[in-house]
N, C-alpha and C. Protein backbone atom coordinates (compact mmCIF):
# COMPACT_ATOMS: atom_id res chain seq x y z
N MET A 1 8.21 -19.35 -4.39
CA MET A 1 8.56 -17.97 -4.46
C MET A 1 7.70 -17.26 -5.59
N LYS A 2 7.38 -16.04 -5.33
CA LYS A 2 6.60 -15.26 -6.30
C LYS A 2 7.52 -14.76 -7.41
N SER A 3 6.91 -14.52 -8.57
CA SER A 3 7.70 -14.08 -9.72
C SER A 3 6.86 -13.07 -10.52
N PHE A 4 7.47 -12.54 -11.55
CA PHE A 4 6.82 -11.64 -12.45
C PHE A 4 5.52 -12.22 -12.97
N ASP A 5 5.48 -13.48 -13.20
CA ASP A 5 4.30 -14.14 -13.78
C ASP A 5 3.10 -14.07 -12.82
N ASP A 6 3.34 -13.78 -11.53
CA ASP A 6 2.23 -13.64 -10.57
C ASP A 6 1.59 -12.25 -10.62
N LEU A 7 2.18 -11.30 -11.34
CA LEU A 7 1.60 -9.97 -11.46
C LEU A 7 0.42 -10.04 -12.44
N LYS A 8 -0.66 -9.40 -12.10
CA LYS A 8 -1.84 -9.32 -12.94
C LYS A 8 -2.00 -7.90 -13.41
N PHE A 9 -1.62 -7.65 -14.69
CA PHE A 9 -1.66 -6.30 -15.22
C PHE A 9 -3.04 -5.88 -15.70
N THR A 10 -3.36 -4.64 -15.49
CA THR A 10 -4.58 -4.02 -16.03
C THR A 10 -4.14 -2.75 -16.77
N TYR A 11 -4.96 -2.37 -17.74
CA TYR A 11 -4.67 -1.19 -18.50
C TYR A 11 -5.68 -0.11 -18.14
N ASP A 12 -5.19 1.10 -17.88
CA ASP A 12 -6.02 2.23 -17.54
C ASP A 12 -5.99 3.18 -18.73
N ASP A 13 -7.11 3.28 -19.44
CA ASP A 13 -7.20 4.16 -20.62
C ASP A 13 -6.98 5.63 -20.26
N SER A 14 -7.43 6.06 -19.11
CA SER A 14 -7.38 7.47 -18.75
C SER A 14 -5.93 7.94 -18.61
N ILE A 15 -5.02 7.06 -18.16
CA ILE A 15 -3.60 7.43 -18.02
C ILE A 15 -2.73 6.68 -19.00
N ARG A 16 -3.34 5.84 -19.81
CA ARG A 16 -2.59 5.08 -20.85
C ARG A 16 -1.40 4.36 -20.27
N ARG A 17 -1.68 3.53 -19.28
CA ARG A 17 -0.59 2.83 -18.59
C ARG A 17 -1.04 1.48 -18.09
N TRP A 18 -0.15 0.49 -18.21
CA TRP A 18 -0.33 -0.84 -17.63
C TRP A 18 0.21 -0.79 -16.22
N SER A 19 -0.47 -1.46 -15.29
CA SER A 19 0.03 -1.50 -13.89
C SER A 19 -0.37 -2.79 -13.21
N ALA A 20 0.44 -3.15 -12.28
CA ALA A 20 0.18 -4.34 -11.42
C ALA A 20 0.91 -4.15 -10.11
N SER A 21 0.41 -4.77 -9.08
CA SER A 21 1.09 -4.76 -7.76
C SER A 21 0.97 -6.13 -7.16
N LEU A 22 1.93 -6.39 -6.29
CA LEU A 22 1.98 -7.70 -5.63
C LEU A 22 2.67 -7.55 -4.30
N THR A 23 2.09 -8.14 -3.26
CA THR A 23 2.69 -8.10 -1.94
C THR A 23 3.29 -9.46 -1.66
N LEU A 24 4.59 -9.47 -1.30
CA LEU A 24 5.28 -10.69 -0.95
C LEU A 24 4.80 -11.19 0.41
N ASP A 25 5.09 -12.40 0.73
CA ASP A 25 4.67 -12.97 2.06
C ASP A 25 5.23 -12.18 3.23
N ASN A 26 6.42 -11.55 3.04
CA ASN A 26 7.01 -10.80 4.13
C ASN A 26 6.55 -9.32 4.15
N GLY A 27 5.60 -8.98 3.30
CA GLY A 27 4.98 -7.66 3.34
C GLY A 27 5.50 -6.64 2.37
N TYR A 28 6.63 -6.89 1.71
CA TYR A 28 7.17 -5.96 0.72
C TYR A 28 6.22 -5.91 -0.47
N LEU A 29 5.87 -4.63 -0.88
CA LEU A 29 4.91 -4.45 -1.94
C LEU A 29 5.69 -4.03 -3.21
N PHE A 30 5.44 -4.74 -4.31
CA PHE A 30 6.00 -4.40 -5.62
C PHE A 30 4.95 -3.71 -6.46
N SER A 31 5.31 -2.60 -7.02
CA SER A 31 4.46 -1.88 -7.94
C SER A 31 5.18 -1.82 -9.27
N VAL A 32 4.52 -2.30 -10.36
CA VAL A 32 5.13 -2.41 -11.66
C VAL A 32 4.25 -1.73 -12.68
N ILE A 33 4.83 -0.83 -13.49
CA ILE A 33 4.05 -0.10 -14.47
C ILE A 33 4.78 -0.08 -15.84
N ALA A 34 4.04 0.20 -16.91
CA ALA A 34 4.66 0.37 -18.25
C ALA A 34 3.62 1.06 -19.13
N GLY A 35 4.15 1.69 -20.16
CA GLY A 35 3.31 2.24 -21.23
C GLY A 35 3.26 1.31 -22.38
N ASN A 36 2.47 1.66 -23.37
CA ASN A 36 2.48 0.88 -24.64
C ASN A 36 3.70 1.26 -25.45
N LYS A 37 4.15 0.36 -26.30
CA LYS A 37 5.37 0.62 -27.11
C LYS A 37 5.26 1.93 -27.89
N ASP A 38 4.12 2.28 -28.40
CA ASP A 38 3.95 3.44 -29.24
C ASP A 38 3.43 4.66 -28.48
N ASP A 39 3.58 4.66 -27.20
CA ASP A 39 3.01 5.70 -26.37
C ASP A 39 4.10 6.48 -25.66
N GLN A 40 3.81 7.72 -25.31
CA GLN A 40 4.80 8.57 -24.60
C GLN A 40 5.17 7.99 -23.25
N TRP A 41 4.29 7.23 -22.61
CA TRP A 41 4.60 6.67 -21.29
C TRP A 41 5.73 5.65 -21.34
N SER A 42 5.91 5.00 -22.54
CA SER A 42 6.98 4.01 -22.63
C SER A 42 8.37 4.65 -22.45
N ILE A 43 8.47 5.91 -22.78
CA ILE A 43 9.73 6.63 -22.61
C ILE A 43 10.08 6.72 -21.14
N ALA A 44 9.12 6.95 -20.28
CA ALA A 44 9.39 7.15 -18.86
C ALA A 44 9.40 5.86 -18.07
N TYR A 45 8.53 4.86 -18.45
CA TYR A 45 8.34 3.74 -17.55
C TYR A 45 8.83 2.41 -18.12
N GLY A 46 8.79 2.26 -19.40
CA GLY A 46 9.05 0.97 -20.04
C GLY A 46 7.99 0.70 -21.04
N SER A 47 8.19 -0.33 -21.86
CA SER A 47 7.26 -0.66 -22.95
C SER A 47 6.64 -2.03 -22.73
N TYR A 48 5.36 -2.01 -22.37
CA TYR A 48 4.64 -3.25 -22.20
C TYR A 48 4.61 -4.03 -23.49
N PRO A 49 4.90 -5.29 -23.55
CA PRO A 49 5.11 -6.24 -22.43
C PRO A 49 6.60 -6.58 -22.25
N ASP A 50 7.51 -5.75 -22.71
CA ASP A 50 8.94 -6.06 -22.68
C ASP A 50 9.72 -5.52 -21.50
N THR A 51 9.49 -4.25 -21.18
CA THR A 51 10.21 -3.60 -20.10
C THR A 51 9.22 -2.86 -19.20
N PHE A 52 9.64 -2.67 -17.91
CA PHE A 52 8.74 -2.10 -16.92
C PHE A 52 9.53 -1.24 -15.94
N GLU A 53 8.79 -0.36 -15.27
CA GLU A 53 9.36 0.36 -14.13
C GLU A 53 8.87 -0.32 -12.87
N VAL A 54 9.78 -0.55 -11.88
CA VAL A 54 9.40 -1.20 -10.66
C VAL A 54 9.75 -0.36 -9.45
N ALA A 55 8.87 -0.35 -8.48
CA ALA A 55 9.09 0.29 -7.18
C ALA A 55 8.79 -0.77 -6.11
N VAL A 56 9.47 -0.65 -4.98
CA VAL A 56 9.25 -1.54 -3.87
C VAL A 56 8.96 -0.68 -2.61
N PHE A 57 7.99 -1.12 -1.86
CA PHE A 57 7.58 -0.42 -0.63
C PHE A 57 7.78 -1.27 0.60
N ASN A 58 8.30 -0.65 1.63
CA ASN A 58 8.55 -1.32 2.92
C ASN A 58 7.19 -1.78 3.50
N PRO A 59 7.20 -2.88 4.21
CA PRO A 59 5.93 -3.40 4.82
C PRO A 59 5.37 -2.49 5.93
N LYS A 60 6.26 -1.71 6.57
CA LYS A 60 5.79 -0.94 7.76
C LYS A 60 5.17 0.35 7.31
N LEU A 61 4.10 0.77 7.99
CA LEU A 61 3.44 2.02 7.70
C LEU A 61 4.05 3.13 8.53
N ASP A 62 4.18 4.35 7.94
CA ASP A 62 4.70 5.45 8.69
C ASP A 62 3.58 6.07 9.51
N ASP A 63 3.85 7.24 10.12
CA ASP A 63 2.85 7.89 11.00
C ASP A 63 1.60 8.36 10.25
N HIS A 64 1.71 8.46 8.94
CA HIS A 64 0.58 8.90 8.13
C HIS A 64 -0.19 7.74 7.50
N GLY A 65 0.27 6.51 7.80
CA GLY A 65 -0.38 5.31 7.22
C GLY A 65 0.14 4.94 5.87
N ASP A 66 1.25 5.54 5.45
CA ASP A 66 1.84 5.25 4.13
C ASP A 66 3.03 4.33 4.30
N ARG A 67 3.35 3.67 3.22
CA ARG A 67 4.58 2.83 3.15
C ARG A 67 5.75 3.65 2.58
N LYS A 68 6.91 3.42 3.09
CA LYS A 68 8.10 4.11 2.58
C LYS A 68 8.66 3.37 1.39
N MET A 69 9.05 4.10 0.38
CA MET A 69 9.66 3.45 -0.82
C MET A 69 11.07 2.98 -0.45
N VAL A 70 11.47 1.87 -0.97
CA VAL A 70 12.82 1.36 -0.81
C VAL A 70 13.69 1.98 -1.90
N PRO A 71 14.85 2.55 -1.56
CA PRO A 71 15.68 3.14 -2.61
C PRO A 71 16.37 2.07 -3.49
N LEU A 72 15.85 1.85 -4.67
CA LEU A 72 16.39 0.81 -5.51
C LEU A 72 17.66 1.22 -6.27
N GLY A 73 17.92 2.54 -6.35
CA GLY A 73 19.13 3.01 -6.99
C GLY A 73 19.73 4.11 -6.15
N VAL A 74 20.96 4.49 -6.49
CA VAL A 74 21.63 5.51 -5.68
C VAL A 74 20.97 6.89 -5.80
N SER A 75 20.29 7.13 -6.93
CA SER A 75 19.69 8.44 -7.10
C SER A 75 18.20 8.39 -7.42
N ASP A 76 17.58 7.22 -7.28
CA ASP A 76 16.15 7.11 -7.59
C ASP A 76 15.58 5.93 -6.79
N ASP A 77 14.30 6.03 -6.49
CA ASP A 77 13.64 4.97 -5.76
C ASP A 77 13.05 3.88 -6.65
N VAL A 78 13.04 4.12 -7.94
CA VAL A 78 12.50 3.16 -8.91
C VAL A 78 13.57 2.72 -9.89
N LEU A 79 13.31 1.57 -10.52
CA LEU A 79 14.16 1.11 -11.59
C LEU A 79 13.30 1.05 -12.85
N ALA A 80 13.70 1.77 -13.88
CA ALA A 80 12.99 1.78 -15.15
C ALA A 80 13.59 0.74 -16.10
N TYR A 81 12.82 0.44 -17.10
CA TYR A 81 13.26 -0.46 -18.22
C TYR A 81 13.77 -1.81 -17.74
N GLN A 82 13.08 -2.41 -16.79
CA GLN A 82 13.45 -3.72 -16.26
C GLN A 82 12.71 -4.80 -17.03
N GLN A 83 13.47 -5.80 -17.42
CA GLN A 83 12.84 -6.97 -18.09
C GLN A 83 12.19 -7.85 -17.04
N PRO A 84 11.20 -8.66 -17.42
CA PRO A 84 10.53 -9.49 -16.46
C PRO A 84 11.45 -10.37 -15.59
N HIS A 85 12.49 -10.94 -16.13
CA HIS A 85 13.37 -11.78 -15.36
C HIS A 85 14.14 -11.00 -14.27
N ARG A 86 14.38 -9.71 -14.59
CA ARG A 86 15.05 -8.86 -13.59
C ARG A 86 14.10 -8.53 -12.40
N ILE A 87 12.85 -8.38 -12.71
CA ILE A 87 11.85 -8.12 -11.67
C ILE A 87 11.67 -9.39 -10.80
N THR A 88 11.64 -10.54 -11.43
CA THR A 88 11.58 -11.77 -10.66
C THR A 88 12.78 -11.90 -9.74
N SER A 89 13.96 -11.59 -10.24
CA SER A 89 15.17 -11.68 -9.45
C SER A 89 15.08 -10.71 -8.24
N LEU A 90 14.58 -9.52 -8.45
CA LEU A 90 14.40 -8.58 -7.33
C LEU A 90 13.40 -9.07 -6.33
N MET A 91 12.31 -9.66 -6.82
CA MET A 91 11.32 -10.27 -5.90
C MET A 91 11.97 -11.33 -5.04
N HIS A 92 12.76 -12.20 -5.63
CA HIS A 92 13.40 -13.29 -4.91
C HIS A 92 14.39 -12.72 -3.88
N GLN A 93 15.12 -11.66 -4.26
CA GLN A 93 16.06 -11.05 -3.31
C GLN A 93 15.30 -10.52 -2.10
N PHE A 94 14.17 -9.85 -2.33
CA PHE A 94 13.42 -9.35 -1.17
C PHE A 94 12.72 -10.45 -0.40
N GLU A 95 12.31 -11.54 -1.09
CA GLU A 95 11.72 -12.67 -0.34
C GLU A 95 12.75 -13.31 0.57
N MET A 96 13.97 -13.47 0.05
CA MET A 96 15.00 -14.14 0.86
C MET A 96 15.59 -13.28 1.95
N ASP A 97 15.85 -11.99 1.63
CA ASP A 97 16.62 -11.13 2.54
C ASP A 97 15.79 -9.97 3.16
N GLY A 98 14.70 -9.63 2.55
CA GLY A 98 13.81 -8.61 3.09
C GLY A 98 14.50 -7.37 3.68
N GLN A 99 14.39 -7.23 4.95
CA GLN A 99 14.92 -6.04 5.65
C GLN A 99 16.42 -5.88 5.45
N ALA A 100 17.14 -7.02 5.47
CA ALA A 100 18.60 -6.92 5.31
C ALA A 100 18.95 -6.34 3.91
N HIS A 101 18.20 -6.72 2.90
CA HIS A 101 18.48 -6.17 1.54
C HIS A 101 18.08 -4.69 1.53
N GLU A 102 16.98 -4.33 2.12
CA GLU A 102 16.59 -2.94 2.16
C GLU A 102 17.66 -2.12 2.91
N ASP A 103 18.14 -2.62 4.03
CA ASP A 103 19.19 -1.91 4.80
C ASP A 103 20.45 -1.69 3.93
N LEU A 104 20.81 -2.74 3.14
CA LEU A 104 21.98 -2.58 2.24
C LEU A 104 21.76 -1.53 1.22
N LEU A 105 20.58 -1.44 0.60
CA LEU A 105 20.28 -0.45 -0.41
C LEU A 105 20.28 0.96 0.24
N VAL A 106 19.75 1.10 1.45
CA VAL A 106 19.78 2.41 2.12
C VAL A 106 21.20 2.80 2.43
N ALA A 107 22.06 1.88 2.84
CA ALA A 107 23.46 2.16 3.13
C ALA A 107 24.21 2.58 1.87
N ILE A 108 23.97 1.90 0.75
CA ILE A 108 24.58 2.25 -0.52
C ILE A 108 24.24 3.66 -0.91
N ARG A 109 22.94 4.03 -0.77
CA ARG A 109 22.52 5.41 -1.13
C ARG A 109 23.19 6.42 -0.20
N ALA A 110 23.24 6.14 1.08
CA ALA A 110 23.85 7.06 2.06
C ALA A 110 25.33 7.25 1.72
N ASP A 111 26.01 6.17 1.36
CA ASP A 111 27.42 6.27 1.03
C ASP A 111 27.62 7.11 -0.24
N PHE A 112 26.77 6.88 -1.25
CA PHE A 112 26.84 7.67 -2.48
C PHE A 112 26.61 9.15 -2.17
N ASN A 113 25.59 9.44 -1.40
CA ASN A 113 25.29 10.86 -1.04
C ASN A 113 26.42 11.50 -0.28
N GLN A 114 27.04 10.76 0.62
CA GLN A 114 28.16 11.30 1.42
C GLN A 114 29.33 11.61 0.48
N LYS A 115 29.60 10.75 -0.44
CA LYS A 115 30.69 10.97 -1.41
C LYS A 115 30.41 12.20 -2.28
N LEU A 116 29.15 12.45 -2.60
CA LEU A 116 28.80 13.67 -3.33
C LEU A 116 29.06 14.90 -2.53
N VAL A 117 28.69 14.85 -1.24
CA VAL A 117 28.91 16.00 -0.34
C VAL A 117 30.40 16.22 -0.18
N ASP A 118 31.15 15.16 0.05
CA ASP A 118 32.60 15.30 0.25
C ASP A 118 33.33 15.83 -0.98
N SER A 119 32.78 15.58 -2.16
CA SER A 119 33.48 16.02 -3.39
C SER A 119 33.22 17.48 -3.68
N HIS A 120 32.32 18.11 -2.95
CA HIS A 120 32.02 19.54 -3.22
C HIS A 120 32.56 20.35 -2.09
């Protein structure tokens, strides 16, 4: 199974951000970014090398040739301030369950949104 240690980070001076991506065997794409500890980007994304922001993309392309983001939270498609072991855990979850895990996350968001609508 793939893990955080399989990510190969590069630093882009122009945007002052560390980034890496990795595609699992089942096609799910993980995108992981972070700023430096003393940089403004660390506030938004995480502080390299301790915490990171992670996004996951569905393997299927839409009509425009883009991948759809998997909703990792009820109100956001990304998870910020994730430690490396949490990203490894998320990778393993998607490796084992793939589409079933994505379907669960989509259902959790839909349920959350419906509860918001019902409360107003």
